[in-house]
Amino acid sequence: MVKAIRVHKTGGPEVLQLEDVTLPAPGAGQLLIRNRAIGLNFIDTYFRTGLYPAPLPFTLGNESAGDVLAVGPNVSEFKPGDRIACVAGLGAYAEERIVPAAAAVALPDAVSYEAAASMMLKGLTAEYLLHRTYKVKPGDTILVHAAAGGTGTILCQWGKALGAKVIGTAGSKEKADIARAHGADHVILYGEENVSVRVKEITGGQGCDVVYDGVGKDTFIASLDSLKPFGLLASFGNASGAVDGVNLGILASKGSLYVTRPTLNTHTAKRETMVEMAKNLFGAVSSGKVTVAINARFPLAEAAAAHRALESRGTTGSTVIIP
């Protein structure tokens, strides 16, 4: 028996229940891992509330890092005792979990469990946004919404390392300071300033090459208005709610713009691509180009409190859950 956070009905943080569960032995192509750290991500709240449906009951969470306890048949890449990190299906909020070996990557000694658990989803998201959705090059100008958050701080640091001018948005002066400390050249306080107007001022009227927007509904129009002609909006999250009811004609009137709604699952569907992405990410962390700020830790039993902190926008950087 191991402890796990189970969801029997969707709703607020109060639906997260700590329970005993029994795990089977790993099957073909699977690993049994002992979690050492679990990542907290906004996508977890989407499953908890039912925005992203999942069969009930379920164990929440996608991202964790730990040690391999046992391997199932037809697994040759890993062995018991190996350090690994993974982004897999639901089941991360637990002391132990079973994951497909194809969803795991070897964790270098230079990267801690907590860092890996807090950056696999966020870091791999930043990797595909910066290197695949729009390949950032020296001289580009990028706008990063929620620049003091977990994904935002990685995007700012890595974007700066790639030679871009980085503009971030933040909700307070304290968060603006965090964004600047992680590479943002300019930070716009979205509660006090008009984002698109400030972007045009900062860029001399040109706008940005790409906007990375994990906020969603509240920032959609401002993101479009912050782009230069033929610019790209990468809308990769819904922290303020889903974008809906879009009239495609506005993309024409605002400058023949491009919009994409990418997902990590699509980018990591091929094993070789996921391994390449993880290698790129771990290399950026090992070299010091990207540092992962872990600013809060919650015990597994306090997962509901972690969700409340996340949804109140009371967190900065990354938060991990410790089983």
Protein backbone atom coordinates (compact mmCIF):
# COMPACT_ATOMS: atom_id res chain seq x y z
CA MET A 1 0.00 0.00 0.00
CA VAL A 2 1.21 3.49 -0.82
CA LYS A 3 -0.24 6.94 -0.18
CA ALA A 4 -1.77 8.81 -3.10
CA ILE A 5 -3.99 11.84 -3.72
CA ARG A 6 -7.26 10.59 -5.20
CA VAL A 7 -10.07 12.52 -6.89
CA HIS A 8 -13.53 10.92 -6.64
CA LYS A 9 -15.45 13.97 -7.89
CA THR A 10 -14.28 17.09 -9.68
CA GLY A 11 -14.35 20.46 -7.98
CA GLY A 12 -12.23 22.71 -5.77
CA PRO A 13 -9.07 21.80 -3.89
CA GLU A 14 -11.17 20.14 -1.20
CA VAL A 15 -11.80 17.15 -3.50
CA LEU A 16 -8.16 16.08 -3.18
CA GLN A 17 -8.13 13.14 -0.76
CA LEU A 18 -5.09 11.32 0.66
CA GLU A 19 -5.75 7.58 0.49
CA ASP A 20 -4.01 4.21 0.50
CA VAL A 21 -3.75 2.53 -2.91
CA THR A 22 -2.32 -0.77 -4.09
CA LEU A 23 -0.21 -0.79 -7.23
CA PRO A 24 0.21 -3.86 -9.43
CA ALA A 25 3.58 -5.08 -10.62
CA PRO A 26 4.80 -3.19 -13.68
CA GLY A 27 3.59 -4.69 -16.95
CA ALA A 28 5.30 -4.95 -20.30
CA GLY A 29 7.11 -1.73 -21.13
CA GLN A 30 6.43 -0.22 -17.71
CA LEU A 31 8.42 1.02 -14.71
CA LEU A 32 7.54 1.12 -11.02
CA ILE A 33 9.14 4.24 -9.57
CA ARG A 34 9.52 5.67 -6.09
CA ASN A 35 8.73 9.36 -6.34
CA ARG A 36 11.20 11.69 -4.66
CA ALA A 37 9.53 14.89 -5.86
CA ILE A 38 6.33 15.73 -7.72
CA GLY A 39 5.74 18.75 -9.92
CA LEU A 40 2.80 21.11 -9.35
CA ASN A 41 1.36 22.47 -12.59
CA PHE A 42 -1.67 24.45 -13.69
CA ILE A 43 -2.78 21.51 -15.82
CA ASP A 44 -3.36 19.65 -12.53
CA THR A 45 -6.13 22.12 -11.71
CA TYR A 46 -7.74 21.52 -15.11
CA PHE A 47 -8.08 17.81 -14.33
CA ARG A 48 -9.23 18.50 -10.77
CA THR A 49 -12.01 20.84 -11.91
CA GLY A 50 -13.07 18.66 -14.83
CA LEU A 51 -11.98 21.12 -17.53
CA TYR A 52 -9.88 18.23 -18.81
CA PRO A 53 -12.10 15.15 -18.26
CA ALA A 54 -10.66 11.96 -16.78
CA PRO A 55 -12.38 8.76 -15.62
CA LEU A 56 -13.18 8.90 -11.91
CA PRO A 57 -11.63 8.13 -9.51
CA PHE A 58 -8.08 9.07 -10.48
CA THR A 59 -4.74 10.01 -8.97
CA LEU A 60 -3.77 13.52 -9.97
CA GLY A 61 -0.53 14.72 -11.54
CA ASN A 62 1.67 14.07 -14.56
CA GLU A 63 5.19 15.04 -13.54
CA SER A 64 7.63 13.49 -11.09
CA ALA A 65 11.19 12.37 -10.51
CA GLY A 66 12.53 9.48 -8.51
CA ASP A 67 14.15 6.05 -8.58
CA VAL A 68 13.24 2.94 -10.54
CA LEU A 69 12.07 0.21 -8.14
CA ALA A 70 11.18 -2.46 -10.71
CA VAL A 71 10.93 -2.89 -14.46
CA GLY A 72 8.39 -4.86 -16.43
CA PRO A 73 9.02 -7.21 -19.35
CA ASN A 74 10.53 -5.76 -22.53
CA VAL A 75 12.27 -2.87 -20.73
CA SER A 76 15.94 -2.63 -21.60
CA GLU A 77 16.70 1.09 -21.22
CA PHE A 78 16.26 1.24 -17.43
CA LYS A 79 17.07 -0.93 -14.41
CA PRO A 80 16.22 -0.77 -10.68
CA GLY A 81 18.09 2.03 -8.95
CA ASP A 82 18.22 4.33 -11.97
CA ARG A 83 17.40 7.99 -11.40
CA ILE A 84 14.65 9.09 -13.78
CA ALA A 85 12.23 11.92 -14.47
CA CYS A 86 8.96 11.58 -16.32
CA VAL A 87 5.91 13.31 -17.68
CA ALA A 88 3.31 10.60 -18.08
CA GLY A 89 -0.41 10.07 -17.70
CA LEU A 90 -2.18 10.77 -14.45
CA GLY A 91 -0.80 9.23 -11.26
CA ALA A 92 2.07 11.43 -10.08
CA TYR A 93 0.59 12.57 -6.74
CA ALA A 94 1.69 9.39 -4.98
CA GLU A 95 4.58 7.83 -3.10
CA GLU A 96 5.02 5.36 -5.96
CA ARG A 97 3.63 5.15 -9.48
CA ILE A 98 3.74 3.02 -12.60
CA VAL A 99 4.70 4.77 -15.82
CA PRO A 100 5.50 3.69 -19.37
CA ALA A 101 9.25 3.44 -19.83
CA ALA A 102 8.72 5.49 -22.99
CA ALA A 103 7.60 8.42 -20.81
CA ALA A 104 10.75 8.44 -18.68
CA VAL A 105 14.20 9.90 -19.26
CA ALA A 106 17.44 9.26 -17.45
CA LEU A 107 18.19 11.98 -14.90
CA PRO A 108 21.80 13.22 -14.84
CA ASP A 109 23.47 13.42 -11.44
CA ALA A 110 23.90 17.17 -11.97
CA VAL A 111 20.11 17.68 -11.86
CA SER A 112 18.31 17.18 -8.52
CA TYR A 113 15.03 15.31 -8.11
CA GLU A 114 13.27 18.51 -7.09
CA ALA A 115 14.63 20.46 -10.04
CA ALA A 116 13.65 17.68 -12.45
CA ALA A 117 10.16 17.28 -10.99
CA SER A 118 9.56 21.00 -11.16
CA MET A 119 10.87 21.49 -14.68
CA MET A 120 10.03 18.43 -16.76
CA LEU A 121 6.63 19.72 -17.82
CA LYS A 122 7.51 23.40 -17.59
CA GLY A 123 11.00 22.97 -19.00
CA LEU A 124 9.99 20.71 -21.87
CA THR A 125 7.18 23.15 -22.60
CA ALA A 126 9.73 25.96 -22.76
CA GLU A 127 11.95 23.78 -24.95
CA TYR A 128 9.33 23.20 -27.63
CA LEU A 129 8.05 26.79 -27.47
CA LEU A 130 11.51 28.29 -27.95
CA HIS A 131 13.00 25.70 -30.30
CA ARG A 132 10.08 24.18 -32.21
CA THR A 133 6.88 26.27 -32.09
CA TYR A 134 8.94 29.36 -32.93
CA LYS A 135 12.69 28.94 -33.24
CA VAL A 136 14.01 31.95 -31.33
CA LYS A 137 17.12 33.53 -32.82
CA PRO A 138 19.38 36.43 -31.84
CA GLY A 139 17.66 39.78 -32.37
CA ASP A 140 14.11 38.48 -31.92
CA THR A 141 11.76 40.17 -29.48
CA ILE A 142 9.58 37.84 -27.42
CA LEU A 143 6.75 38.52 -24.97
CA VAL A 144 6.32 36.14 -22.05
CA HIS A 145 3.12 36.35 -20.04
CA ALA A 146 3.25 35.38 -16.33
CA ALA A 147 7.00 35.88 -16.51
CA ALA A 148 7.54 35.21 -12.79
CA GLY A 149 5.85 31.80 -12.92
CA GLY A 150 7.46 28.40 -13.32
CA THR A 151 7.30 28.24 -17.11
CA GLY A 152 7.73 32.00 -17.43
CA THR A 153 11.05 32.15 -15.58
CA ILE A 154 12.43 29.35 -17.75
CA LEU A 155 11.23 31.05 -20.95
CA CYS A 156 12.81 34.33 -19.90
CA GLN A 157 16.19 32.81 -19.03
CA TRP A 158 16.39 30.55 -22.04
CA GLY A 159 15.04 33.18 -24.43
CA LYS A 160 17.69 35.61 -23.20
CA ALA A 161 20.40 32.97 -23.63
CA LEU A 162 19.25 32.49 -27.23
CA GLY A 163 19.85 36.18 -27.89
CA ALA A 164 16.32 37.54 -27.77
CA LYS A 165 15.05 40.76 -26.22
CA VAL A 166 12.65 39.51 -23.55
CA ILE A 167 9.55 41.41 -22.45
CA GLY A 168 7.60 39.91 -19.57
CA THR A 169 4.29 40.61 -17.87
CA ALA A 170 3.69 40.30 -14.12
CA GLY A 171 0.99 41.09 -11.58
CA SER A 172 3.07 42.89 -8.97
CA LYS A 173 6.32 44.76 -8.52
CA GLU A 174 7.68 41.82 -6.53
CA LYS A 175 6.94 39.45 -9.40
CA ALA A 176 8.39 41.96 -11.85
CA ASP A 177 11.64 41.83 -9.89
CA ILE A 178 11.64 38.03 -10.16
CA ALA A 179 11.10 38.21 -13.92
CA ARG A 180 13.98 40.68 -14.31
CA ALA A 181 16.21 38.47 -12.20
CA HIS A 182 15.48 35.65 -14.65
CA GLY A 183 16.38 37.54 -17.80
CA ALA A 184 13.47 39.80 -18.68
CA ASP A 185 14.75 43.07 -20.19
CA HIS A 186 11.43 44.83 -19.59
CA VAL A 187 8.47 43.89 -17.38
CA ILE A 188 4.95 45.21 -17.83
CA LEU A 189 2.63 45.33 -14.81
CA TYR A 190 -0.55 44.14 -16.47
CA GLY A 191 -2.78 45.46 -13.66
CA GLU A 192 -1.47 49.00 -14.07
CA GLU A 193 -0.34 49.26 -17.69
CA ASN A 194 -1.82 48.51 -21.11
CA VAL A 195 0.24 45.56 -22.27
CA SER A 196 0.08 46.09 -26.03
CA VAL A 197 0.63 49.84 -25.75
CA ARG A 198 3.72 49.29 -23.60
CA VAL A 199 5.02 46.62 -25.97
CA LYS A 200 4.77 49.06 -28.88
CA GLU A 201 6.57 51.71 -26.81
CA ILE A 202 9.35 49.29 -25.85
CA THR A 203 9.78 48.05 -29.43
CA GLY A 204 9.59 51.43 -31.13
CA GLY A 205 6.23 50.59 -32.65
CA GLN A 206 7.39 47.30 -34.15
CA GLY A 207 5.81 44.70 -31.86
CA CYS A 208 7.07 41.22 -31.02
CA ASP A 209 8.05 38.31 -33.22
CA VAL A 210 6.32 35.84 -30.91
CA VAL A 211 4.11 35.94 -27.81
CA TYR A 212 4.16 33.01 -25.38
CA ASP A 213 0.80 33.06 -23.61
CA GLY A 214 -0.09 30.54 -20.93
CA VAL A 215 -2.82 32.77 -19.45
CA GLY A 216 -5.48 32.37 -22.12
CA LYS A 217 -8.76 34.22 -22.18
CA ASP A 218 -7.72 37.38 -20.31
CA THR A 219 -4.65 38.07 -22.45
CA PHE A 220 -5.66 36.83 -25.90
CA ILE A 221 -6.43 40.16 -27.56
CA ALA A 222 -3.54 41.96 -25.87
CA SER A 223 -1.25 39.21 -27.11
CA LEU A 224 -2.43 39.64 -30.70
CA ASP A 225 -2.04 43.42 -30.42
CA SER A 226 1.53 42.98 -29.21
CA LEU A 227 2.69 41.20 -32.38
CA LYS A 228 4.35 42.63 -35.45
CA PRO A 229 2.84 41.72 -38.85
CA PHE A 230 3.19 37.98 -39.53
CA GLY A 231 3.96 37.44 -35.84
CA LEU A 232 3.04 34.25 -34.00
CA LEU A 233 0.94 33.83 -30.87
CA ALA A 234 1.67 30.56 -29.09
CA SER A 235 -1.30 30.08 -26.75
CA PHE A 236 -0.20 27.16 -24.59
CA GLY A 237 -2.34 27.43 -21.44
CA ASN A 238 -5.64 28.54 -19.93
CA ALA A 239 -4.78 29.94 -16.49
CA SER A 240 -7.56 32.56 -16.84
CA GLY A 241 -9.93 30.33 -18.81
CA ALA A 242 -10.07 28.94 -22.32
CA VAL A 243 -10.03 31.20 -25.38
CA ASP A 244 -13.26 30.72 -27.31
CA GLY A 245 -15.48 32.39 -29.88
CA VAL A 246 -12.53 33.58 -31.98
CA ASN A 247 -13.25 35.39 -35.23
CA LEU A 248 -10.41 34.44 -37.56
CA GLY A 249 -10.89 37.70 -39.43
CA ILE A 250 -9.14 39.60 -36.65
CA LEU A 251 -5.90 37.84 -37.54
CA ALA A 252 -6.07 39.52 -40.94
CA SER A 253 -6.91 42.97 -39.66
CA LYS A 254 -4.17 42.83 -37.02
CA GLY A 255 -1.41 42.01 -39.51
CA SER A 256 -1.78 38.54 -41.08
CA LEU A 257 -0.98 36.95 -37.75
CA TYR A 258 -0.43 33.30 -36.90
CA VAL A 259 -1.93 31.56 -33.84
CA THR A 260 -1.15 28.08 -32.59
CA ARG A 261 -2.35 26.01 -29.62
CA PRO A 262 0.53 23.56 -29.11
CA THR A 263 0.71 20.80 -26.52
CA LEU A 264 3.59 18.95 -24.93
CA ASN A 265 1.97 15.58 -25.65
CA THR A 266 2.11 16.19 -29.39
CA HIS A 267 5.76 17.17 -29.27
CA THR A 268 6.78 14.21 -27.10
CA ALA A 269 4.70 11.60 -28.92
CA LYS A 270 7.86 10.28 -30.59
CA ARG A 271 10.33 8.79 -28.13
CA GLU A 272 13.38 10.09 -29.95
CA THR A 273 11.99 13.65 -29.95
CA MET A 274 11.26 13.55 -26.22
CA VAL A 275 14.78 12.29 -25.44
CA GLU A 276 16.26 15.04 -27.62
CA MET A 277 14.13 17.67 -25.88
CA ALA A 278 15.10 16.42 -22.42
CA LYS A 279 18.78 16.37 -23.39
CA ASN A 280 18.51 19.97 -24.58
CA LEU A 281 16.75 20.97 -21.36
CA PHE A 282 19.16 19.19 -19.00
CA GLY A 283 22.05 20.68 -20.97
CA ALA A 284 20.68 24.19 -20.49
CA VAL A 285 20.29 23.56 -16.75
CA SER A 286 23.70 21.91 -16.32
CA SER A 287 25.41 24.78 -18.16
CA GLY A 288 23.73 27.40 -15.98
CA LYS A 289 21.76 28.98 -18.83
CA VAL A 290 18.58 27.98 -16.99
CA THR A 291 18.15 27.75 -13.23
CA VAL A 292 14.98 26.40 -11.66
CA ALA A 293 13.73 28.44 -8.72
CA ILE A 294 11.85 26.19 -6.30
CA ASN A 295 10.09 28.67 -4.05
CA ALA A 296 7.62 26.41 -2.24
CA ARG A 297 7.39 22.81 -1.07
CA PHE A 298 4.27 21.03 0.20
CA PRO A 299 3.95 17.57 1.74
CA LEU A 300 1.81 15.15 -0.28
CA ALA A 301 -0.91 15.33 2.37
CA GLU A 302 -1.18 19.09 1.78
CA ALA A 303 -1.79 18.93 -1.97
CA ALA A 304 -5.03 20.91 -1.54
CA ALA A 305 -3.10 23.78 0.05
CA ALA A 306 -0.65 23.68 -2.86
CA HIS A 307 -3.54 24.05 -5.31
CA ARG A 308 -4.99 26.96 -3.37
CA ALA A 309 -1.66 28.75 -3.45
CA LEU A 310 -1.27 28.13 -7.18
CA GLU A 311 -4.77 29.29 -8.11
CA SER A 312 -4.55 32.41 -5.96
CA ARG A 313 -1.47 33.38 -7.99
CA GLY A 314 0.37 33.34 -4.71
CA THR A 315 3.24 31.30 -6.08
CA THR A 316 6.35 32.29 -8.00
CA GLY A 317 8.81 30.07 -9.78
CA SER A 318 8.19 26.36 -9.27
CA THR A 319 6.44 24.48 -6.48
CA VAL A 320 7.05 20.82 -5.66
CA ILE A 321 5.11 18.26 -3.67
CA ILE A 322 7.22 15.95 -1.51
CA PRO A 323 5.86 12.42 -0.89
